[in-house]
């Protein structure tokens, strides 16, 4: 009789796979480096400005939203490369829309940061 893996080992595997995906995305796309630098600058500014706990939550959610949008964009780009490596205007529109999602998340996060910074200065 086969033994089934414990819940603990299944969860461990899920986290390992997710972390591997994150490392791959960061390695494949230099956009993550830009987002990472910006996140570090925002965190440094928040420390310097001594933001309130609720402001930290909003900043962290904003940073997480940008990184999540970038991960989805990266996943869509990779899927397109595998399924349809040839240029196609319909797929180009899909990729443009996915990139626009990252833009919207980034601009929104920047506005959040500016509003918080403005209220503290």
PDB file of N, CA and C in Angstrom:
ATOM      1  N   UNK A   1       0.837  -1.176   0.000  1.00  0.00           N
ATOM      2  CA  UNK A   1       0.000   0.000   0.000  1.00  0.00           C
ATOM      3  C   UNK A   1       0.885   1.242   0.000  1.00  0.00           C
ATOM      4  N   UNK A   2       0.533   2.192  -0.861  1.00  0.00           N
ATOM      5  CA  UNK A   2       1.306   3.428  -0.957  1.00  0.00           C
ATOM      6  C   UNK A   2       0.956   4.373   0.174  1.00  0.00           C
ATOM      7  N   UNK A   3       1.965   4.979   0.693  1.00  0.00           N
ATOM      8  CA  UNK A   3       1.699   5.980   1.720  1.00  0.00           C
ATOM      9  C   UNK A   3       1.527   7.333   1.046  1.00  0.00           C
ATOM     10  N   UNK A   4       0.635   8.129   1.578  1.00  0.00           N
ATOM     11  CA  UNK A   4       0.422   9.467   1.030  1.00  0.00           C
ATOM     12  C   UNK A   4       1.286  10.451   1.788  1.00  0.00           C
ATOM     13  N   UNK A   5       1.776  11.446   1.092  1.00  0.00           N
ATOM     14  CA  UNK A   5       2.596  12.439   1.784  1.00  0.00           C
ATOM     15  C   UNK A   5       1.762  13.192   2.818  1.00  0.00           C
ATOM     16  N   UNK A   6       2.388  13.566   3.872  1.00  0.00           N
ATOM     17  CA  UNK A   6       1.686  14.305   4.912  1.00  0.00           C
ATOM     18  C   UNK A   6       1.287  15.684   4.391  1.00  0.00           C
ATOM     19  N   UNK A   7       0.314  16.270   5.071  1.00  0.00           N
ATOM     20  CA  UNK A   7      -0.098  17.635   4.708  1.00  0.00           C
ATOM     21  C   UNK A   7       1.068  18.591   4.800  1.00  0.00           C
ATOM     22  N   UNK A   8       1.910  18.364   5.787  1.00  0.00           N
ATOM     23  CA  UNK A   8       3.060  19.248   5.982  1.00  0.00           C
ATOM     24  C   UNK A   8       3.999  19.194   4.782  1.00  0.00           C
ATOM     25  N   UNK A   9       4.286  18.005   4.282  1.00  0.00           N
ATOM     26  CA  UNK A   9       5.203  17.906   3.142  1.00  0.00           C
ATOM     27  C   UNK A   9       4.562  18.430   1.866  1.00  0.00           C
ATOM     28  N   UNK A  10       3.238  18.302   1.725  1.00  0.00           N
ATOM     29  CA  UNK A  10       2.557  18.863   0.544  1.00  0.00           C
ATOM     30  C   UNK A  10       2.634  20.379   0.569  1.00  0.00           C
ATOM     31  N   UNK A  11       2.416  20.973   1.743  1.00  0.00           N
ATOM     32  CA  UNK A  11       2.515  22.426   1.851  1.00  0.00           C
ATOM     33  C   UNK A  11       3.943  22.884   1.608  1.00  0.00           C
ATOM     34  N   UNK A  12       4.883  22.133   2.132  1.00  0.00           N
ATOM     35  CA  UNK A  12       6.293  22.466   1.915  1.00  0.00           C
ATOM     36  C   UNK A  12       6.593  22.462   0.423  1.00  0.00           C
ATOM     37  N   UNK A  13       6.092  21.481  -0.302  1.00  0.00           N
ATOM     38  CA  UNK A  13       6.294  21.382  -1.744  1.00  0.00           C
ATOM     39  C   UNK A  13       5.657  22.566  -2.470  1.00  0.00           C
ATOM     40  N   UNK A  14       4.451  22.945  -2.078  1.00  0.00           N
ATOM     41  CA  UNK A  14       3.762  24.069  -2.713  1.00  0.00           C
ATOM     42  C   UNK A  14       4.553  25.362  -2.537  1.00  0.00           C
ATOM     43  N   UNK A  15       5.063  25.594  -1.331  1.00  0.00           N
ATOM     44  CA  UNK A  15       5.848  26.799  -1.090  1.00  0.00           C
ATOM     45  C   UNK A  15       7.164  26.756  -1.858  1.00  0.00           C
ATOM     46  N   UNK A  16       7.764  25.587  -1.955  1.00  0.00           N
ATOM     47  CA  UNK A  16       9.025  25.455  -2.693  1.00  0.00           C
ATOM     48  C   UNK A  16       8.811  25.771  -4.171  1.00  0.00           C
ATOM     49  N   UNK A  17       7.734  25.245  -4.747  1.00  0.00           N
ATOM     50  CA  UNK A  17       7.421  25.503  -6.152  1.00  0.00           C
ATOM     51  C   UNK A  17       7.137  26.995  -6.376  1.00  0.00           C
ATOM     52  N   UNK A  18       6.375  27.601  -5.468  1.00  0.00           N
ATOM     53  CA  UNK A  18       6.063  29.031  -5.601  1.00  0.00           C
ATOM     54  C   UNK A  18       7.331  29.874  -5.487  1.00  0.00           C
ATOM     55  N   UNK A  19       8.198  29.550  -4.549  1.00  0.00           N
ATOM     56  CA  UNK A  19       9.441  30.301  -4.391  1.00  0.00           C
ATOM     57  C   UNK A  19      10.323  30.134  -5.633  1.00  0.00           C
ATOM     58  N   UNK A  20      10.358  28.927  -6.191  1.00  0.00           N
ATOM     59  CA  UNK A  20      11.118  28.684  -7.419  1.00  0.00           C
ATOM     60  C   UNK A  20      10.570  29.550  -8.546  1.00  0.00           C
ATOM     61  N   UNK A  21       9.252  29.656  -8.653  1.00  0.00           N
ATOM     62  CA  UNK A  21       8.642  30.507  -9.672  1.00  0.00           C
ATOM     63  C   UNK A  21       9.014  31.967  -9.486  1.00  0.00           C
ATOM     64  N   UNK A  22       9.046  32.421  -8.247  1.00  0.00           N
ATOM     65  CA  UNK A  22       9.439  33.802  -7.964  1.00  0.00           C
ATOM     66  C   UNK A  22      10.880  34.053  -8.383  1.00  0.00           C
ATOM     67  N   UNK A  23      11.761  33.135  -8.040  1.00  0.00           N
ATOM     68  CA  UNK A  23      13.178  33.275  -8.406  1.00  0.00           C
ATOM     69  C   UNK A  23      13.329  33.293  -9.925  1.00  0.00           C
ATOM     70  N   UNK A  24      12.616  32.430 -10.614  1.00  0.00           N
ATOM     71  CA  UNK A  24      12.669  32.395 -12.077  1.00  0.00           C
ATOM     72  C   UNK A  24      12.195  33.711 -12.681  1.00  0.00           C
ATOM     73  N   UNK A  25      11.093  34.238 -12.177  1.00  0.00           N
ATOM     74  CA  UNK A  25      10.550  35.493 -12.705  1.00  0.00           C
ATOM     75  C   UNK A  25      11.536  36.635 -12.497  1.00  0.00           C
ATOM     76  N   UNK A  26      12.132  36.701 -11.323  1.00  0.00           N
ATOM     77  CA  UNK A  26      13.101  37.759 -11.038  1.00  0.00           C
ATOM     78  C   UNK A  26      14.326  37.600 -11.937  1.00  0.00           C
ATOM     79  N   UNK A  27      14.739  36.382 -12.149  1.00  0.00           N
ATOM     80  CA  UNK A  27      15.907  36.115 -12.989  1.00  0.00           C
ATOM     81  C   UNK A  27      15.640  36.439 -14.456  1.00  0.00           C
ATOM     82  N   UNK A  28      14.429  36.170 -14.925  1.00  0.00           N
ATOM     83  CA  UNK A  28      14.107  36.323 -16.342  1.00  0.00           C
ATOM     84  C   UNK A  28      13.815  37.760 -16.752  1.00  0.00           C
ATOM     85  N   UNK A  29      13.272  38.560 -15.859  1.00  0.00           N
ATOM     86  CA  UNK A  29      12.807  39.889 -16.232  1.00  0.00           C
ATOM     87  C   UNK A  29      13.446  40.957 -15.368  1.00  0.00           C
ATOM     88  N   UNK A  30      14.136  41.884 -16.024  1.00  0.00           N
ATOM     89  CA  UNK A  30      14.789  42.939 -15.264  1.00  0.00           C
ATOM     90  C   UNK A  30      13.796  43.953 -14.701  1.00  0.00           C
ATOM     91  N   UNK A  31      12.532  43.867 -15.085  1.00  0.00           N
ATOM     92  CA  UNK A  31      11.512  44.739 -14.497  1.00  0.00           C
ATOM     93  C   UNK A  31      11.456  44.547 -12.986  1.00  0.00           C
ATOM     94  N   UNK A  32      11.691  43.332 -12.545  1.00  0.00           N
ATOM     95  CA  UNK A  32      11.679  43.069 -11.111  1.00  0.00           C
ATOM     96  C   UNK A  32      12.797  43.824 -10.405  1.00  0.00           C
ATOM     97  N   UNK A  33      13.905  44.002 -11.083  1.00  0.00           N
ATOM     98  CA  UNK A  33      15.008  44.738 -10.470  1.00  0.00           C
ATOM     99  C   UNK A  33      14.609  46.191 -10.263  1.00  0.00           C
ATOM    100  N   UNK A  34      13.922  46.760 -11.248  1.00  0.00           N
ATOM    101  CA  UNK A  34      13.447  48.143 -11.128  1.00  0.00           C
ATOM    102  C   UNK A  34      12.433  48.238  -9.983  1.00  0.00           C
ATOM    103  N   UNK A  35      11.472  47.319  -9.969  1.00  0.00           N
ATOM    104  CA  UNK A  35      10.463  47.326  -8.908  1.00  0.00           C
ATOM    105  C   UNK A  35      11.118  47.109  -7.546  1.00  0.00           C
ATOM    106  N   UNK A  36      12.120  46.252  -7.495  1.00  0.00           N
ATOM    107  CA  UNK A  36      12.819  45.990  -6.240  1.00  0.00           C
ATOM    108  C   UNK A  36      13.531  47.221  -5.714  1.00  0.00           C
ATOM    109  N   UNK A  37      14.225  47.926  -6.600  1.00  0.00           N
ATOM    110  CA  UNK A  37      14.915  49.154  -6.198  1.00  0.00           C
ATOM    111  C   UNK A  37      13.898  50.182  -5.709  1.00  0.00           C
ATOM    112  N   UNK A  38      12.804  50.328  -6.431  1.00  0.00           N
ATOM    113  CA  UNK A  38      11.779  51.291  -6.020  1.00  0.00           C
ATOM    114  C   UNK A  38      11.185  50.906  -4.666  1.00  0.00           C
ATOM    115  N   UNK A  39      10.939  49.622  -4.453  1.00  0.00           N
ATOM    116  CA  UNK A  39      10.392  49.171  -3.168  1.00  0.00           C
ATOM    117  C   UNK A  39      11.366  49.485  -2.035  1.00  0.00           C
ATOM    118  N   UNK A  40      12.645  49.272  -2.266  1.00  0.00           N
ATOM    119  CA  UNK A  40      13.651  49.581  -1.246  1.00  0.00           C
ATOM    120  C   UNK A  40      13.669  51.076  -0.951  1.00  0.00           C
ATOM    121  N   UNK A  41      13.582  51.901  -1.986  1.00  0.00           N
ATOM    122  CA  UNK A  41      13.549  53.349  -1.782  1.00  0.00           C
ATOM    123  C   UNK A  41      12.307  53.781  -1.001  1.00  0.00           C
ATOM    124  N   UNK A  42      11.169  53.178  -1.319  1.00  0.00           N
ATOM    125  CA  UNK A  42       9.935  53.504  -0.599  1.00  0.00           C
ATOM    126  C   UNK A  42      10.058  53.104   0.868  1.00  0.00           C
ATOM    127  N   UNK A  43      10.592  51.924   1.114  1.00  0.00           N
ATOM    128  CA  UNK A  43      10.757  51.453   2.493  1.00  0.00           C
ATOM    129  C   UNK A  43      11.723  52.361   3.254  1.00  0.00           C
ATOM    130  N   UNK A  44      12.814  52.761   2.598  1.00  0.00           N
ATOM    131  CA  UNK A  44      13.769  53.673   3.239  1.00  0.00           C
ATOM    132  C   UNK A  44      13.107  55.015   3.553  1.00  0.00           C
ATOM    133  N   UNK A  45      12.319  55.529   2.621  1.00  0.00           N
ATOM    134  CA  UNK A  45      11.617  56.793   2.855  1.00  0.00           C
ATOM    135  C   UNK A  45      10.610  56.639   3.993  1.00  0.00           C
ATOM    136  N   UNK A  46       9.909  55.515   4.037  1.00  0.00           N
ATOM    137  CA  UNK A  46       8.915  55.290   5.088  1.00  0.00           C
ATOM    138  C   UNK A  46       9.583  55.220   6.468  1.00  0.00           C
ATOM    139  N   UNK A  47      10.745  54.597   6.522  1.00  0.00           N
ATOM    140  CA  UNK A  47      11.485  54.545   7.781  1.00  0.00           C
ATOM    141  C   UNK A  47      11.917  55.951   8.184  1.00  0.00           C
ATOM    142  N   UNK A  48      12.463  56.692   7.228  1.00  0.00           N
ATOM    143  CA  UNK A  48      12.928  58.061   7.488  1.00  0.00           C
ATOM    144  C   UNK A  48      11.790  58.961   7.944  1.00  0.00           C
ATOM    145  N   UNK A  49      10.622  58.813   7.315  1.00  0.00           N
ATOM    146  CA  UNK A  49       9.475  59.668   7.640  1.00  0.00           C
ATOM    147  C   UNK A  49       8.679  59.165   8.843  1.00  0.00           C
ATOM    148  N   UNK A  50       9.081  58.012   9.367  1.00  0.00           N
ATOM    149  CA  UNK A  50       8.421  57.446  10.542  1.00  0.00           C
ATOM    150  C   UNK A  50       6.911  57.286  10.321  1.00  0.00           C
ATOM    151  N   UNK A  51       6.553  56.558   9.270  1.00  0.00           N
ATOM    152  CA  UNK A  51       5.134  56.395   8.939  1.00  0.00           C
ATOM    153  C   UNK A  51       4.414  55.583  10.008  1.00  0.00           C
ATOM    154  N   UNK A  52       3.115  55.785  10.068  1.00  0.00           N
ATOM    155  CA  UNK A  52       2.259  55.095  11.032  1.00  0.00           C
ATOM    156  C   UNK A  52       2.017  53.651  10.569  1.00  0.00           C
ATOM    157  N   UNK A  53       1.648  52.754  11.496  1.00  0.00           N
ATOM    158  CA  UNK A  53       1.407  51.348  11.116  1.00  0.00           C
ATOM    159  C   UNK A  53       0.406  51.181   9.975  1.00  0.00           C
ATOM    160  N   UNK A  54      -0.685  51.961   9.978  1.00  0.00           N
ATOM    161  CA  UNK A  54      -1.666  51.808   8.901  1.00  0.00           C
ATOM    162  C   UNK A  54      -1.071  52.246   7.565  1.00  0.00           C
ATOM    163  N   UNK A  55      -0.164  53.229   7.596  1.00  0.00           N
ATOM    164  CA  UNK A  55       0.485  53.662   6.364  1.00  0.00           C
ATOM    165  C   UNK A  55       1.443  52.585   5.857  1.00  0.00           C
ATOM    166  N   UNK A  56       2.128  51.928   6.793  1.00  0.00           N
ATOM    167  CA  UNK A  56       2.971  50.789   6.405  1.00  0.00           C
ATOM    168  C   UNK A  56       2.137  49.734   5.685  1.00  0.00           C
ATOM    169  N   UNK A  57       0.960  49.450   6.230  1.00  0.00           N
ATOM    170  CA  UNK A  57       0.095  48.438   5.607  1.00  0.00           C
ATOM    171  C   UNK A  57      -0.271  48.823   4.180  1.00  0.00           C
ATOM    172  N   UNK A  58      -0.621  50.080   3.983  1.00  0.00           N
ATOM    173  CA  UNK A  58      -0.995  50.547   2.647  1.00  0.00           C
ATOM    174  C   UNK A  58       0.206  50.483   1.706  1.00  0.00           C
ATOM    175  N   UNK A  59       1.371  50.887   2.182  1.00  0.00           N
ATOM    176  CA  UNK A  59       2.572  50.833   1.343  1.00  0.00           C
ATOM    177  C   UNK A  59       2.928  49.391   0.979  1.00  0.00           C
ATOM    178  N   UNK A  60       2.862  48.510   1.953  1.00  0.00           N
ATOM    179  CA  UNK A  60       3.195  47.099   1.689  1.00  0.00           C
ATOM    180  C   UNK A  60       2.195  46.484   0.720  1.00  0.00           C
ATOM    181  N   UNK A  61       0.909  46.799   0.896  1.00  0.00           N
ATOM    182  CA  UNK A  61      -0.090  46.296  -0.056  1.00  0.00           C
ATOM    183  C   UNK A  61       0.157  46.848  -1.458  1.00  0.00           C
ATOM    184  N   UNK A  62       0.558  48.099  -1.544  1.00  0.00           N
ATOM    185  CA  UNK A  62       0.845  48.700  -2.852  1.00  0.00           C
ATOM    186  C   UNK A  62       2.044  48.031  -3.511  1.00  0.00           C
ATOM    187  N   UNK A  63       3.101  47.835  -2.749  1.00  0.00           N
ATOM    188  CA  UNK A  63       4.286  47.150  -3.287  1.00  0.00           C
ATOM    189  C   UNK A  63       3.923  45.731  -3.713  1.00  0.00           C
ATOM    190  N   UNK A  64       3.177  45.041  -2.871  1.00  0.00           N
ATOM    191  CA  UNK A  64       2.749  43.682  -3.210  1.00  0.00           C
ATOM    192  C   UNK A  64       1.882  43.638  -4.454  1.00  0.00           C
ATOM    193  N   UNK A  65       1.023  44.646  -4.620  1.00  0.00           N
ATOM    194  CA  UNK A  65       0.169  44.699  -5.810  1.00  0.00           C
ATOM    195  C   UNK A  65       0.978  44.860  -7.088  1.00  0.00           C
ATOM    196  N   UNK A  66       1.993  45.707  -7.031  1.00  0.00           N
ATOM    197  CA  UNK A  66       2.855  45.902  -8.209  1.00  0.00           C
ATOM    198  C   UNK A  66       3.603  44.609  -8.529  1.00  0.00           C
ATOM    199  N   UNK A  67       4.182  43.996  -7.521  1.00  0.00           N
ATOM    200  CA  UNK A  67       4.939  42.763  -7.758  1.00  0.00           C
ATOM    201  C   UNK A  67       4.033  41.632  -8.249  1.00  0.00           C
ATOM    202  N   UNK A  68       2.827  41.568  -7.715  1.00  0.00           N
ATOM    203  CA  UNK A  68       1.873  40.549  -8.166  1.00  0.00           C
ATOM    204  C   UNK A  68       1.479  40.785  -9.621  1.00  0.00           C
ATOM    205  N   UNK A  69       1.202  42.037  -9.970  1.00  0.00           N
ATOM    206  CA  UNK A  69       0.861  42.351 -11.367  1.00  0.00           C
ATOM    207  C   UNK A  69       2.023  41.979 -12.284  1.00  0.00           C
ATOM    208  N   UNK A  70       3.240  42.260 -11.860  1.00  0.00           N
ATOM    209  CA  UNK A  70       4.411  41.925 -12.667  1.00  0.00           C
ATOM    210  C   UNK A  70       4.562  40.405 -12.814  1.00  0.00           C
ATOM    211  N   UNK A  71       4.267  39.669 -11.762  1.00  0.00           N
ATOM    212  CA  UNK A  71       4.327  38.202 -11.854  1.00  0.00           C
ATOM    213  C   UNK A  71       3.300  37.672 -12.852  1.00  0.00           C
ATOM    214  N   UNK A  72       2.075  38.191 -12.791  1.00  0.00           N
ATOM    215  CA  UNK A  72       1.062  37.769 -13.765  1.00  0.00           C
ATOM    216  C   UNK A  72       1.488  38.136 -15.184  1.00  0.00           C
ATOM    217  N   UNK A  73       2.013  39.324 -15.374  1.00  0.00           N
ATOM    218  CA  UNK A  73       2.483  39.751 -16.683  1.00  0.00           C
ATOM    219  C   UNK A  73       3.581  38.819 -17.190  1.00  0.00           C
ATOM    220  N   UNK A  74       4.513  38.490 -16.326  1.00  0.00           N
ATOM    221  CA  UNK A  74       5.609  37.592 -16.697  1.00  0.00           C
ATOM    222  C   UNK A  74       5.079  36.213 -17.059  1.00  0.00           C
ATOM    223  N   UNK A  75       4.132  35.716 -16.285  1.00  0.00           N
ATOM    224  CA  UNK A  75       3.553  34.401 -16.575  1.00  0.00           C
ATOM    225  C   UNK A  75       2.846  34.394 -17.928  1.00  0.00           C
ATOM    226  N   UNK A  76       2.105  35.456 -18.222  1.00  0.00           N
ATOM    227  CA  UNK A  76       1.414  35.543 -19.512  1.00  0.00           C
ATOM    228  C   UNK A  76       2.423  35.601 -20.651  1.00  0.00           C
ATOM    229  N   UNK A  77       3.478  36.401 -20.482  1.00  0.00           N
ATOM    230  CA  UNK A  77       4.507  36.492 -21.520  1.00  0.00           C
ATOM    231  C   UNK A  77       5.154  35.134 -21.783  1.00  0.00           C
ATOM    232  N   UNK A  78       5.470  34.410 -20.737  1.00  0.00           N
ATOM    233  CA  UNK A  78       6.093  33.098 -20.903  1.00  0.00           C
ATOM    234  C   UNK A  78       5.141  32.112 -21.577  1.00  0.00           C
ATOM    235  N   UNK A  79       3.885  32.131 -21.178  1.00  0.00           N
ATOM    236  CA  UNK A  79       2.892  31.252 -21.781  1.00  0.00           C
ATOM    237  C   UNK A  79       2.741  31.532 -23.269  1.00  0.00           C
ATOM    238  N   UNK A  80       2.721  32.801 -23.636  1.00  0.00           N
ATOM    239  CA  UNK A  80       2.619  33.177 -25.046  1.00  0.00           C
ATOM    240  C   UNK A  80       3.836  32.682 -25.816  1.00  0.00           C
ATOM    241  N   UNK A  81       5.020  32.834 -25.249  1.00  0.00           N
ATOM    242  CA  UNK A  81       6.241  32.373 -25.931  1.00  0.00           C
ATOM    243  C   UNK A  81       6.191  30.880 -26.236  1.00  0.00           C
ATOM    244  N   UNK A  82       5.605  30.123 -25.324  1.00  0.00           N
ATOM    245  CA  UNK A  82       5.537  28.673 -25.512  1.00  0.00           C
ATOM    246  C   UNK A  82       4.427  28.294 -26.490  1.00  0.00           C
ATOM    247  N   UNK A  83       3.244  28.867 -26.325  1.00  0.00           N
ATOM    248  CA  UNK A  83       2.090  28.460 -27.120  1.00  0.00           C
ATOM    249  C   UNK A  83       2.027  29.092 -28.501  1.00  0.00           C
ATOM    250  N   UNK A  84       2.565  30.297 -28.624  1.00  0.00           N
ATOM    251  CA  UNK A  84       2.459  30.993 -29.903  1.00  0.00           C
ATOM    252  C   UNK A  84       3.689  31.879 -30.115  1.00  0.00           C
ATOM    253  N   UNK A  85       4.807  31.269 -30.493  1.00  0.00           N
ATOM    254  CA  UNK A  85       6.048  32.048 -30.614  1.00  0.00           C
ATOM    255  C   UNK A  85       6.047  33.050 -31.771  1.00  0.00           C
ATOM    256  N   UNK A  86       5.153  32.885 -32.732  1.00  0.00           N
ATOM    257  CA  UNK A  86       5.095  33.814 -33.861  1.00  0.00           C
ATOM    258  C   UNK A  86       4.310  35.065 -33.485  1.00  0.00           C
ATOM    259  N   UNK A  87       4.671  36.166 -34.134  1.00  0.00           N
ATOM    260  CA  UNK A  87       3.973  37.430 -33.877  1.00  0.00           C
ATOM    261  C   UNK A  87       2.530  37.337 -34.347  1.00  0.00           C
ATOM    262  N   UNK A  88       1.638  37.867 -33.543  1.00  0.00           N
ATOM    263  CA  UNK A  88       0.216  37.898 -33.879  1.00  0.00           C
ATOM    264  C   UNK A  88      -0.362  39.145 -33.213  1.00  0.00           C
ATOM    265  N   UNK A  89      -1.040  40.004 -33.984  1.00  0.00           N
ATOM    266  CA  UNK A  89      -1.543  41.246 -33.395  1.00  0.00           C
ATOM    267  C   UNK A  89      -2.515  41.020 -32.237  1.00  0.00           C
ATOM    268  N   UNK A  90      -3.288  39.929 -32.269  1.00  0.00           N
ATOM    269  CA  UNK A  90      -4.219  39.658 -31.175  1.00  0.00           C
ATOM    270  C   UNK A  90      -3.461  39.334 -29.897  1.00  0.00           C
ATOM    271  N   UNK A  91      -2.409  38.551 -30.026  1.00  0.00           N
ATOM    272  CA  UNK A  91      -1.591  38.217 -28.861  1.00  0.00           C
ATOM    273  C   UNK A  91      -0.829  39.455 -28.396  1.00  0.00           C
ATOM    274  N   UNK A  92      -0.403  40.276 -29.337  1.00  0.00           N
ATOM    275  CA  UNK A  92       0.254  41.529 -28.978  1.00  0.00           C
ATOM    276  C   UNK A  92      -0.644  42.405 -28.117  1.00  0.00           C
ATOM    277  N   UNK A  93      -1.939  42.430 -28.441  1.00  0.00           N
ATOM    278  CA  UNK A  93      -2.891  43.212 -27.636  1.00  0.00           C
ATOM    279  C   UNK A  93      -3.006  42.639 -26.230  1.00  0.00           C
ATOM    280  N   UNK A  94      -3.031  41.323 -26.136  1.00  0.00           N
ATOM    281  CA  UNK A  94      -3.096  40.673 -24.818  1.00  0.00           C
ATOM    282  C   UNK A  94      -1.871  41.043 -23.986  1.00  0.00           C
ATOM    283  N   UNK A  95      -0.705  40.993 -24.607  1.00  0.00           N
ATOM    284  CA  UNK A  95       0.523  41.344 -23.895  1.00  0.00           C
ATOM    285  C   UNK A  95       0.529  42.817 -23.498  1.00  0.00           C
ATOM    286  N   UNK A  96       0.008  43.674 -24.373  1.00  0.00           N
ATOM    287  CA  UNK A  96      -0.091  45.101 -24.052  1.00  0.00           C
ATOM    288  C   UNK A  96      -1.012  45.328 -22.862  1.00  0.00           C
ATOM    289  N   UNK A  97      -2.115  44.601 -22.823  1.00  0.00           N
ATOM    290  CA  UNK A  97      -3.067  44.742 -21.719  1.00  0.00           C
ATOM    291  C   UNK A  97      -2.438  44.265 -20.406  1.00  0.00           C
ATOM    292  N   UNK A  98      -1.711  43.162 -20.467  1.00  0.00           N
ATOM    293  CA  UNK A  98      -1.034  42.665 -19.262  1.00  0.00           C
ATOM    294  C   UNK A  98       0.003  43.671 -18.779  1.00  0.00           C
ATOM    295  N   UNK A  99       0.728  44.279 -19.705  1.00  0.00           N
ATOM    296  CA  UNK A  99       1.699  45.308 -19.332  1.00  0.00           C
ATOM    297  C   UNK A  99       0.989  46.527 -18.759  1.00  0.00           C
ATOM    298  N   UNK A 100      -0.181  46.846 -19.284  1.00  0.00           N
ATOM    299  CA  UNK A 100      -0.953  47.977 -18.766  1.00  0.00           C
ATOM    300  C   UNK A 100      -1.376  47.728 -17.322  1.00  0.00           C
ATOM    301  N   UNK A 101      -1.656  46.478 -16.974  1.00  0.00           N
ATOM    302  CA  UNK A 101      -2.010  46.147 -15.588  1.00  0.00           C
ATOM    303  C   UNK A 101      -0.855  46.492 -14.649  1.00  0.00           C
ATOM    304  N   UNK A 102       0.363  46.212 -15.080  1.00  0.00           N
ATOM    305  CA  UNK A 102       1.536  46.557 -14.273  1.00  0.00           C
ATOM    306  C   UNK A 102       1.661  48.076 -14.172  1.00  0.00           C
ATOM    307  N   UNK A 103       1.422  48.755 -15.274  1.00  0.00           N
ATOM    308  CA  UNK A 103       1.490  50.217 -15.267  1.00  0.00           C
ATOM    309  C   UNK A 103       0.471  50.815 -14.297  1.00  0.00           C
ATOM    310  N   UNK A 104      -0.758  50.325 -14.346  1.00  0.00           N
ATOM    311  CA  UNK A 104      -1.800  50.838 -13.451  1.00  0.00           C
ATOM    312  C   UNK A 104      -1.422  50.584 -11.995  1.00  0.00           C
ATOM    313  N   UNK A 105      -0.953  49.377 -11.692  1.00  0.00           N
ATOM    314  CA  UNK A 105      -0.542  49.066 -10.316  1.00  0.00           C
ATOM    315  C   UNK A 105       0.617  49.950  -9.881  1.00  0.00           C
ATOM    316  N   UNK A 106       1.566  50.188 -10.770  1.00  0.00           N
ATOM    317  CA  UNK A 106       2.734  51.010 -10.441  1.00  0.00           C
ATOM    318  C   UNK A 106       2.355  52.471 -10.212  1.00  0.00           C
ATOM    319  N   UNK A 107       1.533  53.013 -11.089  1.00  0.00           N
ATOM    320  CA  UNK A 107       1.119  54.407 -10.941  1.00  0.00           C
ATOM    321  C   UNK A 107       0.287  54.571  -9.666  1.00  0.00           C
ATOM    322  N   UNK A 108      -0.596  53.624  -9.413  1.00  0.00           N
ATOM    323  CA  UNK A 108      -1.401  53.673  -8.192  1.00  0.00           C
ATOM    324  C   UNK A 108      -0.512  53.626  -6.958  1.00  0.00           C
ATOM    325  N   UNK A 109       0.479  52.743  -6.959  1.00  0.00           N
ATOM    326  CA  UNK A 109       1.402  52.642  -5.826  1.00  0.00           C
ATOM    327  C   UNK A 109       2.190  53.939  -5.655  1.00  0.00           C
ATOM    328  N   UNK A 110       2.597  54.539  -6.757  1.00  0.00           N
ATOM    329  CA  UNK A 110       3.331  55.806  -6.676  1.00  0.00           C
ATOM    330  C   UNK A 110       2.454  56.901  -6.077  1.00  0.00           C
ATOM    331  N   UNK A 111       1.197  56.936  -6.483  1.00  0.00           N
ATOM    332  CA  UNK A 111       0.277  57.937  -5.932  1.00  0.00           C
ATOM    333  C   UNK A 111       0.081  57.709  -4.436  1.00  0.00           C
ATOM    334  N   UNK A 112      -0.081  56.458  -4.031  1.00  0.00           N
ATOM    335  CA  UNK A 112      -0.204  56.138  -2.605  1.00  0.00           C
ATOM    336  C   UNK A 112       1.019  56.651  -1.851  1.00  0.00           C
ATOM    337  N   UNK A 113       2.206  56.365  -2.386  1.00  0.00           N
ATOM    338  CA  UNK A 113       3.435  56.829  -1.742  1.00  0.00           C
ATOM    339  C   UNK A 113       3.512  58.334  -1.653  1.00  0.00           C
ATOM    340  N   UNK A 114       3.122  59.018  -2.723  1.00  0.00           N
ATOM    341  CA  UNK A 114       3.142  60.484  -2.718  1.00  0.00           C
ATOM    342  C   UNK A 114       2.148  61.074  -1.715  1.00  0.00           C
ATOM    343  N   UNK A 115       0.969  60.491  -1.640  1.00  0.00           N
ATOM    344  CA  UNK A 115      -0.034  60.978  -0.692  1.00  0.00           C
ATOM    345  C   UNK A 115       0.460  60.784   0.740  1.00  0.00           C
ATOM    346  N   UNK A 116       0.983  59.620   1.032  1.00  0.00           N
ATOM    347  CA  UNK A 116       1.508  59.376   2.380  1.00  0.00           C
ATOM    348  C   UNK A 116       2.662  60.310   2.685  1.00  0.00           C
ATOM    349  N   UNK A 117       3.579  60.462   1.732  1.00  0.00           N
ATOM    350  CA  UNK A 117       4.704  61.373   1.939  1.00  0.00           C
ATOM    351  C   UNK A 117       4.251  62.802   2.132  1.00  0.00           C
ATOM    352  N   UNK A 118       3.267  63.232   1.362  1.00  0.00           N
ATOM    353  CA  UNK A 118       2.761  64.601   1.463  1.00  0.00           C
ATOM    354  C   UNK A 118       2.119  64.861   2.826  1.00  0.00           C
ATOM    355  N   UNK A 119       1.372  63.865   3.316  1.00  0.00           N
ATOM    356  CA  UNK A 119       0.693  64.055   4.602  1.00  0.00           C
ATOM    357  C   UNK A 119       1.687  64.112   5.758  1.00  0.00           C
ATOM    358  N   UNK A 120       2.886  63.579   5.569  1.00  0.00           N
ATOM    359  CA  UNK A 120       3.878  63.561   6.640  1.00  0.00           C
ATOM    360  C   UNK A 120       4.817  64.756   6.610  1.00  0.00           C
ATOM    361  N   UNK A 121       4.873  65.435   5.494  1.00  0.00           N
ATOM    362  CA  UNK A 121       5.814  66.571   5.371  1.00  0.00           C
ATOM    363  C   UNK A 121       5.180  67.885   5.728  1.00  0.00           C
TER     364      UNK A 121
END
